[in-house]
Amino acid sequence: MDIYLGASISGMDVVKSLLSMPEYQNIPMIAVTSYSMGNERSEFLKGGCTHYLAKPFMKRELIELVESILM
């Protein structure tokens, strides 16, 4: 989930909305964001994301993260 989606809604709003639906409560959600200073990572994880990936990232990092989630 990209955290910055634009002015009208944030990625965390979407995550919270999805997690309110029973069928999505056990779905892994990756926070993909350029917010990588301070405690943002822990805030995204507390907010419902199961994983975190800071931009910019290498293609291999994304592949490895998704593979680790699927295993």
C-alpha atoms as a PDB file:
ATOM      1  CA  MET A   1       0.000   0.000   0.000  1.00  0.00           C
ATOM      2  CA  ASP A   2       1.469   3.311  -1.028  1.00  0.00           C
ATOM      3  CA  ILE A   3       1.057   5.560   1.989  1.00  0.00           C
ATOM      4  CA  TYR A   4       0.684   8.793   0.026  1.00  0.00           C
ATOM      5  CA  LEU A   5      -2.219   8.410  -2.400  1.00  0.00           C
ATOM      6  CA  GLY A   6      -3.062  12.071  -2.804  1.00  0.00           C
ATOM      7  CA  ALA A   7      -5.003  14.759  -1.028  1.00  0.00           C
ATOM      8  CA  SER A   8      -8.304  12.937  -0.557  1.00  0.00           C
ATOM      9  CA  ILE A   9      -7.228   9.684   1.173  1.00  0.00           C
ATOM     10  CA  SER A  10      -4.094   8.131   2.616  1.00  0.00           C
ATOM     11  CA  GLY A  11      -2.863   4.593   2.265  1.00  0.00           C
ATOM     12  CA  MET A  12      -3.342   4.133   5.992  1.00  0.00           C
ATOM     13  CA  ASP A  13      -7.014   5.101   5.600  1.00  0.00           C
ATOM     14  CA  VAL A  14      -7.330   2.321   3.009  1.00  0.00           C
ATOM     15  CA  VAL A  15      -5.515  -0.151   5.278  1.00  0.00           C
ATOM     16  CA  LYS A  16      -7.864   0.643   8.177  1.00  0.00           C
ATOM     17  CA  SER A  17     -10.877   0.309   5.906  1.00  0.00           C
ATOM     18  CA  LEU A  18      -9.681  -3.062   4.591  1.00  0.00           C
ATOM     19  CA  LEU A  19      -8.913  -4.353   8.072  1.00  0.00           C
ATOM     20  CA  SER A  20     -12.443  -3.541   9.175  1.00  0.00           C
ATOM     21  CA  MET A  21     -13.666  -6.241   6.767  1.00  0.00           C
ATOM     22  CA  PRO A  22     -13.331  -9.789   8.153  1.00  0.00           C
ATOM     23  CA  GLU A  23     -12.116 -11.234   4.850  1.00  0.00           C
ATOM     24  CA  TYR A  24      -9.085  -8.892   4.863  1.00  0.00           C
ATOM     25  CA  GLN A  25      -8.022  -9.155   8.500  1.00  0.00           C
ATOM     26  CA  ASN A  26      -5.347 -11.783   7.824  1.00  0.00           C
ATOM     27  CA  ILE A  27      -4.032 -10.338   4.560  1.00  0.00           C
ATOM     28  CA  PRO A  28      -0.426  -9.072   4.690  1.00  0.00           C
ATOM     29  CA  MET A  29      -0.127  -5.361   3.929  1.00  0.00           C
ATOM     30  CA  ILE A  30       3.144  -3.681   3.032  1.00  0.00           C
ATOM     31  CA  ALA A  31       3.538   0.027   3.730  1.00  0.00           C
ATOM     32  CA  VAL A  32       5.457   1.415   0.736  1.00  0.00           C
ATOM     33  CA  THR A  33       6.579   4.941   1.459  1.00  0.00           C
ATOM     34  CA  SER A  34       9.224   7.599   1.282  1.00  0.00           C
ATOM     35  CA  TYR A  35       8.449   8.435   4.923  1.00  0.00           C
ATOM     36  CA  SER A  36      11.492   6.814   6.476  1.00  0.00           C
ATOM     37  CA  MET A  37      12.581   9.195   9.198  1.00  0.00           C
ATOM     38  CA  GLY A  38      12.031   8.820  12.914  1.00  0.00           C
ATOM     39  CA  ASN A  39       9.301   6.498  14.088  1.00  0.00           C
ATOM     40  CA  GLU A  40       7.175   6.350  10.926  1.00  0.00           C
ATOM     41  CA  ARG A  41       7.934   2.657  10.397  1.00  0.00           C
ATOM     42  CA  SER A  42       6.545   1.740  13.806  1.00  0.00           C
ATOM     43  CA  GLU A  43       3.514   3.970  13.255  1.00  0.00           C
ATOM     44  CA  PHE A  44       2.653   2.205   9.980  1.00  0.00           C
ATOM     45  CA  LEU A  45       3.068  -1.186  11.627  1.00  0.00           C
ATOM     46  CA  LYS A  46       0.928  -0.130  14.591  1.00  0.00           C
ATOM     47  CA  GLY A  47      -1.640   1.198  12.120  1.00  0.00           C
ATOM     48  CA  GLY A  48      -2.218  -2.212  10.575  1.00  0.00           C
ATOM     49  CA  CYS A  49       0.504  -2.783   8.013  1.00  0.00           C
ATOM     50  CA  THR A  50       2.339  -6.050   8.495  1.00  0.00           C
ATOM     51  CA  HIS A  51       5.495  -5.016   6.647  1.00  0.00           C
ATOM     52  CA  TYR A  52       7.354  -1.853   5.650  1.00  0.00           C
ATOM     53  CA  LEU A  53       9.393  -0.931   2.586  1.00  0.00           C
ATOM     54  CA  ALA A  54      11.031   2.472   2.274  1.00  0.00           C
ATOM     55  CA  LYS A  55      11.406   4.247  -1.065  1.00  0.00           C
ATOM     56  CA  PRO A  56      13.562   4.239  -2.983  1.00  0.00           C
ATOM     57  CA  PHE A  57      14.004   0.499  -2.992  1.00  0.00           C
ATOM     58  CA  MET A  58      15.613  -1.962  -5.334  1.00  0.00           C
ATOM     59  CA  LYS A  59      13.417  -4.315  -7.322  1.00  0.00           C
ATOM     60  CA  ARG A  60      15.131  -7.236  -5.600  1.00  0.00           C
ATOM     61  CA  GLU A  61      14.141  -5.907  -2.161  1.00  0.00           C
ATOM     62  CA  LEU A  62      10.475  -5.938  -3.130  1.00  0.00           C
ATOM     63  CA  ILE A  63      10.726  -9.410  -4.627  1.00  0.00           C
ATOM     64  CA  GLU A  64      12.468 -10.771  -1.522  1.00  0.00           C
ATOM     65  CA  LEU A  65       9.881  -9.188   0.775  1.00  0.00           C
ATOM     66  CA  VAL A  66       6.949 -10.600  -1.189  1.00  0.00           C
ATOM     67  CA  GLU A  67       8.618 -14.017  -1.354  1.00  0.00           C
ATOM     68  CA  SER A  68       9.146 -14.003   2.413  1.00  0.00           C
ATOM     69  CA  ILE A  69       5.493 -13.173   2.957  1.00  0.00           C
ATOM     70  CA  LEU A  70       4.295 -15.936   0.655  1.00  0.00           C
ATOM     71  CA  MET A  71       6.474 -18.649   2.220  1.00  0.00           C
END
